[in-house]
Structures are given as C-alpha cells and as structure tokens.
Amino acid sequence: MGPEAFDTAALALPAATCSIQWGGERVYKVGGKMFAVTDEATTRVSMKVTDIAYEALQEIGLARAAPYLARAKWLQFPDLASLDDTDVAHWLATAHGLVAAKLTRAAKRELGLL
C-alpha cells in the first residue's frame, strides 16, 4: 500500500482525523485517541490490533511489537509498501473500531458513532 492510499483509507473511517506530531509523524485519531501512526516518510506504520492479530502477525514475521505501545497491543509494520491494500484497510478499520469502542457514550454520540 502506498502512502496516499493509506491516508485515504484511514481518513475514510468515521470521525477519523490526522495530525502531524513528534517531528513529522502522521497520527490518525478517532475522538482524540490514536489508532494508527506512520513515520514521516510513510514507510513504517504502527496500529492498534486485536489480541489474536498481535500474536499471529508477529509469529508469521509480518510485524513486530510497536516501540512504546506494545503493552497496549500495537504492532509496527516495517514496510508499508509491501503490504496488501485490502489487508491494511481491514487492519485500519479494526484499529479504528477498537479505539472508538473505548470512547465514552457522549463522545461517540458527538462524533456520530452511535
């Protein structure tokens, strides 16, 4: 998946936003909470994953535990360009859903996620 396709897929999710933080990294959020981060060049991507995906994707060597975020079940994919577009879009939607599910009912209502 290319950088533009990643950005398009991430921002197509309900109430998703993107900001530039930490010296150029693109941080994708829902309700002010991160669900994905890319490096400045958009070659590496980190995102929230399910418990099963956390284990499985590491086991097959597709990803590794994301620095600083591993305890929250985040994975880092070292080469975005080598990943299948459909898989990445699915993982993004899952990451968005996992983070959105933790928002308060009021925040979900305000963002139109109910």
N, C-alpha and C. Protein backbone atom coordinates (compact mmCIF):
# COMPACT_ATOMS: atom_id res chain seq x y z
N MET A 1 0.85 -1.18 0.00
CA MET A 1 0.00 0.00 0.00
C MET A 1 0.89 1.23 0.00
N GLY A 2 0.52 2.19 -0.80
CA GLY A 2 1.27 3.43 -0.87
C GLY A 2 0.80 4.44 0.17
N PRO A 3 1.58 5.49 0.39
CA PRO A 3 1.24 6.50 1.40
C PRO A 3 -0.11 7.18 1.17
N GLU A 4 -0.40 7.52 -0.09
CA GLU A 4 -1.67 8.20 -0.38
C GLU A 4 -2.86 7.27 -0.12
N ALA A 5 -2.71 6.01 -0.52
CA ALA A 5 -3.78 5.04 -0.29
C ALA A 5 -4.01 4.82 1.20
N PHE A 6 -2.92 4.79 1.98
CA PHE A 6 -3.04 4.62 3.43
C PHE A 6 -3.80 5.80 4.02
N ASP A 7 -3.39 7.01 3.64
CA ASP A 7 -4.03 8.22 4.15
C ASP A 7 -5.52 8.23 3.79
N THR A 8 -5.83 7.89 2.57
CA THR A 8 -7.23 7.86 2.11
C THR A 8 -8.04 6.83 2.90
N ALA A 9 -7.49 5.63 3.07
CA ALA A 9 -8.19 4.58 3.81
C ALA A 9 -8.41 4.97 5.26
N ALA A 10 -7.41 5.54 5.89
CA ALA A 10 -7.53 5.93 7.30
C ALA A 10 -8.53 7.05 7.49
N LEU A 11 -8.48 8.05 6.64
CA LEU A 11 -9.37 9.20 6.80
C LEU A 11 -10.79 8.92 6.31
N ALA A 12 -11.00 7.81 5.62
CA ALA A 12 -12.35 7.43 5.20
C ALA A 12 -13.15 6.81 6.34
N LEU A 13 -12.48 6.46 7.41
CA LEU A 13 -13.16 5.86 8.57
C LEU A 13 -13.95 6.94 9.31
N PRO A 14 -15.08 6.59 9.92
CA PRO A 14 -15.93 7.58 10.58
C PRO A 14 -15.20 8.40 11.65
N ALA A 15 -15.31 9.71 11.54
CA ALA A 15 -14.76 10.67 12.50
C ALA A 15 -13.24 10.60 12.65
N ALA A 16 -12.55 10.04 11.67
CA ALA A 16 -11.08 9.95 11.73
C ALA A 16 -10.45 11.28 11.38
N THR A 17 -9.37 11.60 12.08
CA THR A 17 -8.61 12.80 11.81
C THR A 17 -7.13 12.45 11.73
N CYS A 18 -6.34 13.37 11.22
CA CYS A 18 -4.90 13.16 11.14
C CYS A 18 -4.20 14.44 11.58
N SER A 19 -3.16 14.27 12.37
CA SER A 19 -2.34 15.42 12.77
C SER A 19 -0.88 15.03 12.65
N ILE A 20 -0.03 16.03 12.51
CA ILE A 20 1.41 15.81 12.44
C ILE A 20 1.97 16.06 13.83
N GLN A 21 2.64 15.06 14.38
CA GLN A 21 3.19 15.17 15.74
C GLN A 21 4.59 14.58 15.77
N TRP A 22 5.29 14.83 16.84
CA TRP A 22 6.58 14.22 17.13
C TRP A 22 7.57 14.35 15.98
N GLY A 23 7.67 15.53 15.42
CA GLY A 23 8.67 15.78 14.40
C GLY A 23 8.32 15.25 13.02
N GLY A 24 7.07 15.11 12.70
CA GLY A 24 6.68 14.74 11.35
C GLY A 24 5.89 13.47 11.21
N GLU A 25 5.65 12.75 12.29
CA GLU A 25 4.86 11.53 12.19
C GLU A 25 3.39 11.87 12.02
N ARG A 26 2.72 11.12 11.16
CA ARG A 26 1.28 11.31 10.93
C ARG A 26 0.53 10.43 11.93
N VAL A 27 -0.30 11.07 12.75
CA VAL A 27 -1.03 10.37 13.80
C VAL A 27 -2.52 10.42 13.46
N TYR A 28 -3.10 9.24 13.26
CA TYR A 28 -4.51 9.11 12.92
C TYR A 28 -5.28 8.83 14.20
N LYS A 29 -6.38 9.59 14.39
CA LYS A 29 -7.12 9.52 15.64
C LYS A 29 -8.62 9.44 15.39
N VAL A 30 -9.31 8.93 16.38
CA VAL A 30 -10.76 8.99 16.44
C VAL A 30 -11.11 9.46 17.85
N GLY A 31 -11.87 10.53 17.95
CA GLY A 31 -12.22 11.07 19.26
C GLY A 31 -11.00 11.50 20.06
N GLY A 32 -9.94 11.92 19.38
CA GLY A 32 -8.73 12.35 20.06
C GLY A 32 -7.82 11.23 20.51
N LYS A 33 -8.17 9.99 20.21
CA LYS A 33 -7.37 8.82 20.60
C LYS A 33 -6.72 8.20 19.36
N MET A 34 -5.45 7.88 19.46
CA MET A 34 -4.70 7.32 18.34
C MET A 34 -5.17 5.92 17.98
N PHE A 35 -5.23 5.65 16.66
CA PHE A 35 -5.45 4.28 16.21
C PHE A 35 -4.38 3.84 15.21
N ALA A 36 -3.62 4.77 14.64
CA ALA A 36 -2.53 4.43 13.73
C ALA A 36 -1.54 5.59 13.66
N VAL A 37 -0.28 5.24 13.39
CA VAL A 37 0.80 6.24 13.28
C VAL A 37 1.73 5.80 12.16
N THR A 38 2.13 6.76 11.31
CA THR A 38 3.14 6.46 10.30
C THR A 38 4.35 7.35 10.54
N ASP A 39 5.50 6.88 10.08
CA ASP A 39 6.69 7.72 10.18
C ASP A 39 6.58 8.84 9.14
N GLU A 40 7.51 9.76 9.18
CA GLU A 40 7.46 10.94 8.31
C GLU A 40 7.40 10.57 6.82
N ALA A 41 8.11 9.53 6.43
CA ALA A 41 8.14 9.11 5.03
C ALA A 41 7.00 8.14 4.68
N THR A 42 6.20 7.78 5.65
CA THR A 42 5.10 6.81 5.49
C THR A 42 5.62 5.48 4.95
N THR A 43 6.74 5.04 5.48
CA THR A 43 7.24 3.71 5.12
C THR A 43 6.90 2.70 6.21
N ARG A 44 6.95 3.13 7.46
CA ARG A 44 6.58 2.29 8.60
C ARG A 44 5.24 2.75 9.13
N VAL A 45 4.45 1.78 9.58
CA VAL A 45 3.16 2.12 10.18
C VAL A 45 2.97 1.29 11.44
N SER A 46 2.39 1.92 12.45
CA SER A 46 2.04 1.22 13.69
C SER A 46 0.55 1.41 13.89
N MET A 47 -0.10 0.37 14.42
CA MET A 47 -1.53 0.48 14.69
C MET A 47 -1.97 -0.48 15.78
N LYS A 48 -3.09 -0.16 16.36
CA LYS A 48 -3.72 -0.99 17.39
C LYS A 48 -4.28 -2.23 16.69
N VAL A 49 -4.12 -3.40 17.31
CA VAL A 49 -4.64 -4.65 16.75
C VAL A 49 -5.32 -5.47 17.84
N THR A 50 -6.05 -6.49 17.42
CA THR A 50 -6.68 -7.40 18.38
C THR A 50 -5.61 -8.26 19.04
N ASP A 51 -5.97 -8.89 20.13
CA ASP A 51 -5.03 -9.77 20.83
C ASP A 51 -4.55 -10.90 19.92
N ILE A 52 -5.46 -11.48 19.15
CA ILE A 52 -5.09 -12.58 18.26
C ILE A 52 -4.16 -12.10 17.16
N ALA A 53 -4.48 -10.97 16.54
CA ALA A 53 -3.63 -10.42 15.48
C ALA A 53 -2.26 -10.06 16.02
N TYR A 54 -2.21 -9.58 17.26
CA TYR A 54 -0.94 -9.21 17.89
C TYR A 54 0.01 -10.40 17.90
N GLU A 55 -0.50 -11.55 18.26
CA GLU A 55 0.32 -12.76 18.30
C GLU A 55 0.59 -13.30 16.90
N ALA A 56 -0.46 -13.42 16.10
CA ALA A 56 -0.35 -14.07 14.79
C ALA A 56 0.54 -13.30 13.82
N LEU A 57 0.39 -12.00 13.75
CA LEU A 57 1.18 -11.22 12.78
C LEU A 57 2.65 -11.17 13.15
N GLN A 58 2.94 -11.25 14.44
CA GLN A 58 4.34 -11.34 14.86
C GLN A 58 4.91 -12.72 14.55
N GLU A 59 4.10 -13.73 14.80
CA GLU A 59 4.54 -15.10 14.59
C GLU A 59 4.91 -15.37 13.14
N ILE A 60 4.15 -14.81 12.21
CA ILE A 60 4.47 -15.03 10.79
C ILE A 60 5.51 -14.05 10.26
N GLY A 61 5.96 -13.13 11.11
CA GLY A 61 7.04 -12.21 10.74
C GLY A 61 6.61 -11.00 9.95
N LEU A 62 5.33 -10.72 9.93
CA LEU A 62 4.83 -9.57 9.18
C LEU A 62 4.97 -8.26 9.95
N ALA A 63 5.02 -8.36 11.26
CA ALA A 63 5.08 -7.17 12.10
C ALA A 63 5.85 -7.48 13.37
N ARG A 64 6.15 -6.42 14.11
CA ARG A 64 6.79 -6.59 15.42
C ARG A 64 6.07 -5.68 16.41
N ALA A 65 6.30 -5.93 17.68
CA ALA A 65 5.69 -5.10 18.71
C ALA A 65 6.13 -3.65 18.51
N ALA A 66 5.17 -2.74 18.54
CA ALA A 66 5.48 -1.33 18.30
C ALA A 66 6.21 -0.73 19.51
N PRO A 67 7.32 -0.02 19.25
CA PRO A 67 8.03 0.62 20.35
C PRO A 67 7.10 1.55 21.14
N TYR A 68 7.19 1.49 22.43
CA TYR A 68 6.43 2.32 23.38
C TYR A 68 4.94 1.97 23.47
N LEU A 69 4.41 1.21 22.53
CA LEU A 69 2.98 0.93 22.53
C LEU A 69 2.65 -0.55 22.57
N ALA A 70 3.63 -1.40 22.73
CA ALA A 70 3.43 -2.85 22.69
C ALA A 70 2.49 -3.33 23.79
N ARG A 71 2.59 -2.76 24.96
CA ARG A 71 1.73 -3.25 26.05
C ARG A 71 0.26 -2.97 25.80
N ALA A 72 -0.03 -2.04 24.88
CA ALA A 72 -1.41 -1.74 24.51
C ALA A 72 -1.82 -2.50 23.25
N LYS A 73 -1.01 -3.52 22.87
CA LYS A 73 -1.29 -4.37 21.70
C LYS A 73 -1.24 -3.58 20.39
N TRP A 74 -0.15 -2.86 20.21
CA TRP A 74 0.11 -2.17 18.95
C TRP A 74 1.23 -2.91 18.24
N LEU A 75 1.10 -3.00 16.92
CA LEU A 75 2.15 -3.61 16.10
C LEU A 75 2.74 -2.57 15.15
N GLN A 76 3.99 -2.78 14.79
CA GLN A 76 4.65 -1.94 13.80
C GLN A 76 4.94 -2.79 12.56
N PHE A 77 4.52 -2.30 11.42
CA PHE A 77 4.79 -2.95 10.14
C PHE A 77 5.93 -2.16 9.50
N PRO A 78 7.09 -2.78 9.28
CA PRO A 78 8.27 -2.04 8.85
C PRO A 78 8.25 -1.55 7.40
N ASP A 79 7.42 -2.15 6.55
CA ASP A 79 7.43 -1.77 5.14
C ASP A 79 6.00 -1.71 4.61
N LEU A 80 5.39 -0.55 4.70
CA LEU A 80 4.00 -0.37 4.27
C LEU A 80 3.83 -0.75 2.80
N ALA A 81 4.78 -0.43 1.96
CA ALA A 81 4.67 -0.69 0.52
C ALA A 81 4.54 -2.17 0.19
N SER A 82 5.04 -3.03 1.06
CA SER A 82 4.99 -4.47 0.79
C SER A 82 3.69 -5.12 1.23
N LEU A 83 2.83 -4.38 1.89
CA LEU A 83 1.59 -4.94 2.43
C LEU A 83 0.44 -4.83 1.43
N ASP A 84 -0.44 -5.81 1.47
CA ASP A 84 -1.62 -5.84 0.62
C ASP A 84 -2.60 -4.74 1.03
N ASP A 85 -3.12 -4.02 0.05
CA ASP A 85 -4.04 -2.91 0.31
C ASP A 85 -5.28 -3.35 1.10
N THR A 86 -5.84 -4.49 0.72
CA THR A 86 -7.04 -4.98 1.39
C THR A 86 -6.76 -5.33 2.84
N ASP A 87 -5.61 -5.97 3.10
CA ASP A 87 -5.25 -6.31 4.48
C ASP A 87 -5.06 -5.06 5.32
N VAL A 88 -4.35 -4.09 4.79
CA VAL A 88 -4.09 -2.86 5.54
C VAL A 88 -5.40 -2.12 5.82
N ALA A 89 -6.27 -2.03 4.85
CA ALA A 89 -7.56 -1.37 5.05
C ALA A 89 -8.37 -2.08 6.14
N HIS A 90 -8.32 -3.41 6.15
CA HIS A 90 -9.02 -4.18 7.18
C HIS A 90 -8.40 -3.91 8.56
N TRP A 91 -7.07 -3.93 8.64
CA TRP A 91 -6.40 -3.67 9.91
C TRP A 91 -6.69 -2.26 10.41
N LEU A 92 -6.73 -1.29 9.50
CA LEU A 92 -7.06 0.08 9.89
C LEU A 92 -8.48 0.17 10.45
N ALA A 93 -9.42 -0.48 9.77
CA ALA A 93 -10.81 -0.46 10.25
C ALA A 93 -10.92 -1.11 11.62
N THR A 94 -10.17 -2.19 11.82
CA THR A 94 -10.18 -2.86 13.12
C THR A 94 -9.57 -1.96 14.19
N ALA A 95 -8.43 -1.33 13.88
CA ALA A 95 -7.78 -0.42 14.82
C ALA A 95 -8.72 0.72 15.21
N HIS A 96 -9.36 1.30 14.21
CA HIS A 96 -10.32 2.38 14.44
C HIS A 96 -11.45 1.90 15.34
N GLY A 97 -11.99 0.73 15.04
CA GLY A 97 -13.09 0.18 15.83
C GLY A 97 -12.72 -0.11 17.27
N LEU A 98 -11.51 -0.65 17.47
CA LEU A 98 -11.06 -0.95 18.83
C LEU A 98 -10.93 0.32 19.66
N VAL A 99 -10.39 1.36 19.06
CA VAL A 99 -10.21 2.62 19.79
C VAL A 99 -11.55 3.33 19.98
N ALA A 100 -12.38 3.36 18.95
CA ALA A 100 -13.69 4.01 19.06
C ALA A 100 -14.57 3.34 20.11
N ALA A 101 -14.44 2.03 20.25
CA ALA A 101 -15.24 1.30 21.23
C ALA A 101 -14.94 1.74 22.66
N LYS A 102 -13.75 2.25 22.90
CA LYS A 102 -13.36 2.68 24.26
C LYS A 102 -13.78 4.12 24.58
N LEU A 103 -14.30 4.84 23.58
CA LEU A 103 -14.74 6.22 23.82
C LEU A 103 -16.00 6.21 24.68
N THR A 104 -16.22 7.31 25.36
CA THR A 104 -17.43 7.42 26.18
C THR A 104 -18.66 7.48 25.27
N ARG A 105 -19.78 7.15 25.83
CA ARG A 105 -21.04 7.21 25.08
C ARG A 105 -21.28 8.62 24.55
N ALA A 106 -20.99 9.61 25.36
CA ALA A 106 -21.19 11.01 24.94
C ALA A 106 -20.27 11.35 23.77
N ALA A 107 -19.02 10.90 23.83
CA ALA A 107 -18.07 11.17 22.74
C ALA A 107 -18.52 10.47 21.46
N LYS A 108 -18.98 9.23 21.58
CA LYS A 108 -19.47 8.50 20.42
C LYS A 108 -20.67 9.23 19.79
N ARG A 109 -21.57 9.71 20.63
CA ARG A 109 -22.74 10.41 20.14
C ARG A 109 -22.31 11.69 19.41
N GLU A 110 -21.41 12.43 20.02
CA GLU A 110 -20.93 13.69 19.43
C GLU A 110 -20.25 13.46 18.08
N LEU A 111 -19.54 12.33 17.94
CA LEU A 111 -18.83 12.02 16.71
C LEU A 111 -19.70 11.29 15.67
N GLY A 112 -20.93 10.97 16.05
CA GLY A 112 -21.84 10.27 15.16
C GLY A 112 -21.50 8.80 15.02
N LEU A 113 -20.94 8.21 16.06
CA LEU A 113 -20.53 6.81 16.02
C LEU A 113 -21.54 5.86 16.67
N LEU A 114 -22.65 6.39 17.13
CA LEU A 114 -23.68 5.53 17.73
C LEU A 114 -24.71 5.09 16.73
